[in-house]
Amino acid sequence: MFRLMMAAGAAAWLLASPAVAATNQQKMETCNFGADEQKLTGSARKSYMAKCMSNKDSPRGKPIGAPAGAPKP
C-alpha cells in the first residue's frame, strides 16, 4: 500500500512541475529569428541577442485592449 501511495505522489509531483525550459540552442534559434525578423545588424543585433539570451524576466507593456490608466498585471 505504501508503494502505491509513493508512486501516486511521484506521478502527481511530476505532473505539477513546470515543463523543461528551452535549451540554449533552441533559445539561440528563437533569438536569431527575432533579430532577422527585425533586420538588425551590427551593434543593434549584438545588443538584442545579449538581452534575448539572458535569463532575466523583463516586464512587458500593458495588455492589448486594456483601458488607458489600467494597472499593469
N, C-alpha and C. Protein backbone atom coordinates (compact mmCIF):
# COMPACT_ATOMS: atom_id res chain seq x y z
N MET A 1 0.82 -1.19 0.00
CA MET A 1 0.00 0.00 0.00
C MET A 1 0.88 1.27 0.00
N PHE A 2 1.97 1.21 0.77
CA PHE A 2 2.88 2.35 0.85
C PHE A 2 3.49 2.65 -0.51
N ARG A 3 3.88 1.61 -1.23
CA ARG A 3 4.47 1.79 -2.56
C ARG A 3 3.48 2.43 -3.52
N LEU A 4 2.24 2.03 -3.43
CA LEU A 4 1.20 2.61 -4.29
C LEU A 4 1.03 4.10 -4.00
N MET A 5 1.04 4.45 -2.73
CA MET A 5 0.91 5.86 -2.36
C MET A 5 2.13 6.65 -2.81
N MET A 6 3.32 6.07 -2.70
CA MET A 6 4.53 6.75 -3.15
C MET A 6 4.51 6.95 -4.67
N ALA A 7 4.07 5.94 -5.41
CA ALA A 7 4.00 6.06 -6.86
C ALA A 7 2.99 7.13 -7.27
N ALA A 8 1.86 7.18 -6.60
CA ALA A 8 0.85 8.19 -6.91
C ALA A 8 1.37 9.58 -6.58
N GLY A 9 2.08 9.72 -5.48
CA GLY A 9 2.65 11.01 -5.10
C GLY A 9 3.70 11.47 -6.09
N ALA A 10 4.55 10.53 -6.54
CA ALA A 10 5.58 10.88 -7.52
C ALA A 10 4.95 11.31 -8.84
N ALA A 11 3.91 10.61 -9.27
CA ALA A 11 3.23 10.95 -10.52
C ALA A 11 2.59 12.34 -10.41
N ALA A 12 1.97 12.61 -9.28
CA ALA A 12 1.35 13.93 -9.10
C ALA A 12 2.40 15.04 -9.09
N TRP A 13 3.55 14.77 -8.45
CA TRP A 13 4.62 15.76 -8.40
C TRP A 13 5.16 16.05 -9.79
N LEU A 14 5.34 15.00 -10.61
CA LEU A 14 5.86 15.19 -11.97
C LEU A 14 4.88 15.96 -12.83
N LEU A 15 3.60 15.70 -12.66
CA LEU A 15 2.60 16.41 -13.46
C LEU A 15 2.46 17.87 -13.03
N ALA A 16 2.73 18.15 -11.77
CA ALA A 16 2.58 19.52 -11.27
C ALA A 16 3.81 20.37 -11.53
N SER A 17 4.95 19.75 -11.81
CA SER A 17 6.17 20.53 -12.03
C SER A 17 6.12 21.22 -13.39
N PRO A 18 6.78 22.38 -13.52
CA PRO A 18 6.77 23.10 -14.80
C PRO A 18 7.52 22.33 -15.88
N ALA A 19 7.21 22.64 -17.11
CA ALA A 19 7.87 21.99 -18.24
C ALA A 19 9.35 22.35 -18.27
N VAL A 20 10.12 21.53 -18.90
CA VAL A 20 11.56 21.77 -19.01
C VAL A 20 11.79 23.02 -19.85
N ALA A 21 12.69 23.86 -19.41
CA ALA A 21 12.98 25.11 -20.13
C ALA A 21 13.64 24.80 -21.47
N ALA A 22 13.59 25.76 -22.35
CA ALA A 22 14.21 25.61 -23.66
C ALA A 22 15.73 25.46 -23.51
N THR A 23 16.32 24.69 -24.39
CA THR A 23 17.77 24.55 -24.36
C THR A 23 18.39 25.81 -24.92
N ASN A 24 19.69 25.97 -24.70
CA ASN A 24 20.38 27.15 -25.23
C ASN A 24 20.32 27.20 -26.75
N GLN A 25 20.38 26.04 -27.39
CA GLN A 25 20.32 26.01 -28.86
C GLN A 25 18.95 26.48 -29.34
N GLN A 26 17.87 26.03 -28.69
CA GLN A 26 16.53 26.46 -29.06
C GLN A 26 16.36 27.96 -28.83
N LYS A 27 16.92 28.43 -27.73
CA LYS A 27 16.82 29.86 -27.42
C LYS A 27 17.58 30.68 -28.45
N MET A 28 18.77 30.20 -28.85
CA MET A 28 19.58 30.89 -29.86
C MET A 28 18.82 30.98 -31.18
N GLU A 29 18.16 29.89 -31.57
CA GLU A 29 17.40 29.90 -32.82
C GLU A 29 16.27 30.91 -32.75
N THR A 30 15.59 30.97 -31.61
CA THR A 30 14.50 31.92 -31.44
C THR A 30 15.00 33.36 -31.49
N CYS A 31 16.13 33.61 -30.80
CA CYS A 31 16.69 34.96 -30.79
C CYS A 31 17.17 35.36 -32.18
N ASN A 32 17.81 34.44 -32.89
CA ASN A 32 18.26 34.73 -34.26
C ASN A 32 17.07 35.05 -35.16
N PHE A 33 15.99 34.30 -35.00
CA PHE A 33 14.79 34.56 -35.80
C PHE A 33 14.26 35.96 -35.52
N GLY A 34 14.21 36.35 -34.24
CA GLY A 34 13.73 37.68 -33.88
C GLY A 34 14.62 38.77 -34.45
N ALA A 35 15.94 38.56 -34.38
CA ALA A 35 16.88 39.56 -34.91
C ALA A 35 16.76 39.65 -36.43
N ASP A 36 16.61 38.50 -37.09
CA ASP A 36 16.44 38.50 -38.55
C ASP A 36 15.14 39.18 -38.95
N GLU A 37 14.08 38.91 -38.19
CA GLU A 37 12.76 39.49 -38.47
C GLU A 37 12.81 41.01 -38.37
N GLN A 38 13.60 41.52 -37.43
CA GLN A 38 13.72 42.97 -37.25
C GLN A 38 14.83 43.57 -38.12
N LYS A 39 15.51 42.72 -38.89
CA LYS A 39 16.59 43.14 -39.78
C LYS A 39 17.68 43.92 -39.03
N LEU A 40 18.07 43.38 -37.86
CA LEU A 40 19.09 44.03 -37.04
C LEU A 40 20.48 43.63 -37.52
N THR A 41 21.40 44.58 -37.48
CA THR A 41 22.79 44.31 -37.85
C THR A 41 23.71 45.04 -36.88
N GLY A 42 24.96 44.61 -36.85
CA GLY A 42 25.98 45.29 -36.07
C GLY A 42 25.70 45.31 -34.58
N SER A 43 25.93 46.47 -33.96
CA SER A 43 25.80 46.57 -32.51
C SER A 43 24.35 46.43 -32.05
N ALA A 44 23.39 46.82 -32.88
CA ALA A 44 21.98 46.66 -32.51
C ALA A 44 21.63 45.18 -32.39
N ARG A 45 22.14 44.37 -33.33
CA ARG A 45 21.89 42.93 -33.29
C ARG A 45 22.58 42.31 -32.07
N LYS A 46 23.82 42.74 -31.81
CA LYS A 46 24.58 42.20 -30.68
C LYS A 46 23.87 42.51 -29.37
N SER A 47 23.37 43.73 -29.22
CA SER A 47 22.65 44.13 -28.02
C SER A 47 21.35 43.33 -27.88
N TYR A 48 20.63 43.17 -28.98
CA TYR A 48 19.39 42.42 -28.97
C TYR A 48 19.64 40.97 -28.55
N MET A 49 20.68 40.36 -29.12
CA MET A 49 20.99 38.97 -28.83
C MET A 49 21.38 38.79 -27.36
N ALA A 50 22.14 39.74 -26.81
CA ALA A 50 22.54 39.66 -25.40
C ALA A 50 21.31 39.72 -24.49
N LYS A 51 20.39 40.62 -24.79
CA LYS A 51 19.17 40.72 -23.98
C LYS A 51 18.30 39.49 -24.16
N CYS A 52 18.20 39.00 -25.37
CA CYS A 52 17.36 37.85 -25.66
C CYS A 52 17.89 36.59 -24.99
N MET A 53 19.20 36.41 -25.00
CA MET A 53 19.80 35.19 -24.45
C MET A 53 19.93 35.23 -22.93
N SER A 54 19.76 36.40 -22.31
CA SER A 54 19.86 36.48 -20.85
C SER A 54 18.68 35.74 -20.22
N ASN A 55 18.85 35.33 -18.98
CA ASN A 55 17.81 34.59 -18.29
C ASN A 55 16.95 35.49 -17.42
N LYS A 56 16.88 36.76 -17.76
CA LYS A 56 16.10 37.71 -16.98
C LYS A 56 14.68 37.77 -17.51
N ASP A 57 13.74 37.91 -16.59
CA ASP A 57 12.35 38.17 -16.97
C ASP A 57 12.22 39.68 -17.06
N SER A 58 11.74 40.16 -18.18
CA SER A 58 11.58 41.59 -18.32
C SER A 58 10.10 41.92 -18.30
N PRO A 59 9.73 43.03 -17.67
CA PRO A 59 8.32 43.40 -17.64
C PRO A 59 7.83 43.74 -19.04
N ARG A 60 6.65 43.38 -19.31
CA ARG A 60 6.05 43.65 -20.61
C ARG A 60 5.15 44.88 -20.50
N GLY A 61 4.76 45.39 -21.63
CA GLY A 61 3.84 46.53 -21.65
C GLY A 61 2.45 46.11 -21.23
N LYS A 62 1.55 47.07 -21.21
CA LYS A 62 0.18 46.74 -20.80
C LYS A 62 -0.46 45.83 -21.84
N PRO A 63 -1.40 45.02 -21.44
CA PRO A 63 -2.06 44.10 -22.36
C PRO A 63 -2.82 44.84 -23.46
N ILE A 64 -2.91 44.23 -24.61
CA ILE A 64 -3.65 44.83 -25.73
C ILE A 64 -5.12 44.93 -25.34
N GLY A 65 -5.69 46.05 -25.59
CA GLY A 65 -7.11 46.24 -25.30
C GLY A 65 -7.37 46.74 -23.88
N ALA A 66 -6.32 46.93 -23.10
CA ALA A 66 -6.50 47.42 -21.73
C ALA A 66 -6.84 48.91 -21.80
N PRO A 67 -7.77 49.34 -20.97
CA PRO A 67 -8.12 50.76 -20.96
C PRO A 67 -6.95 51.59 -20.46
N ALA A 68 -6.87 52.82 -20.92
CA ALA A 68 -5.80 53.72 -20.50
C ALA A 68 -5.90 53.94 -19.00
N GLY A 69 -4.78 53.90 -18.35
CA GLY A 69 -4.76 54.10 -16.90
C GLY A 69 -4.99 52.83 -16.12
N ALA A 70 -5.20 51.71 -16.80
CA ALA A 70 -5.41 50.45 -16.10
C ALA A 70 -4.08 49.98 -15.51
N PRO A 71 -4.10 49.42 -14.32
CA PRO A 71 -2.83 48.97 -13.73
C PRO A 71 -2.28 47.78 -14.47
N LYS A 72 -0.95 47.69 -14.49
CA LYS A 72 -0.29 46.56 -15.15
C LYS A 72 -0.47 45.32 -14.29
N PRO A 73 -0.66 44.16 -14.88
CA PRO A 73 -0.83 42.94 -14.09
C PRO A 73 0.45 42.52 -13.41
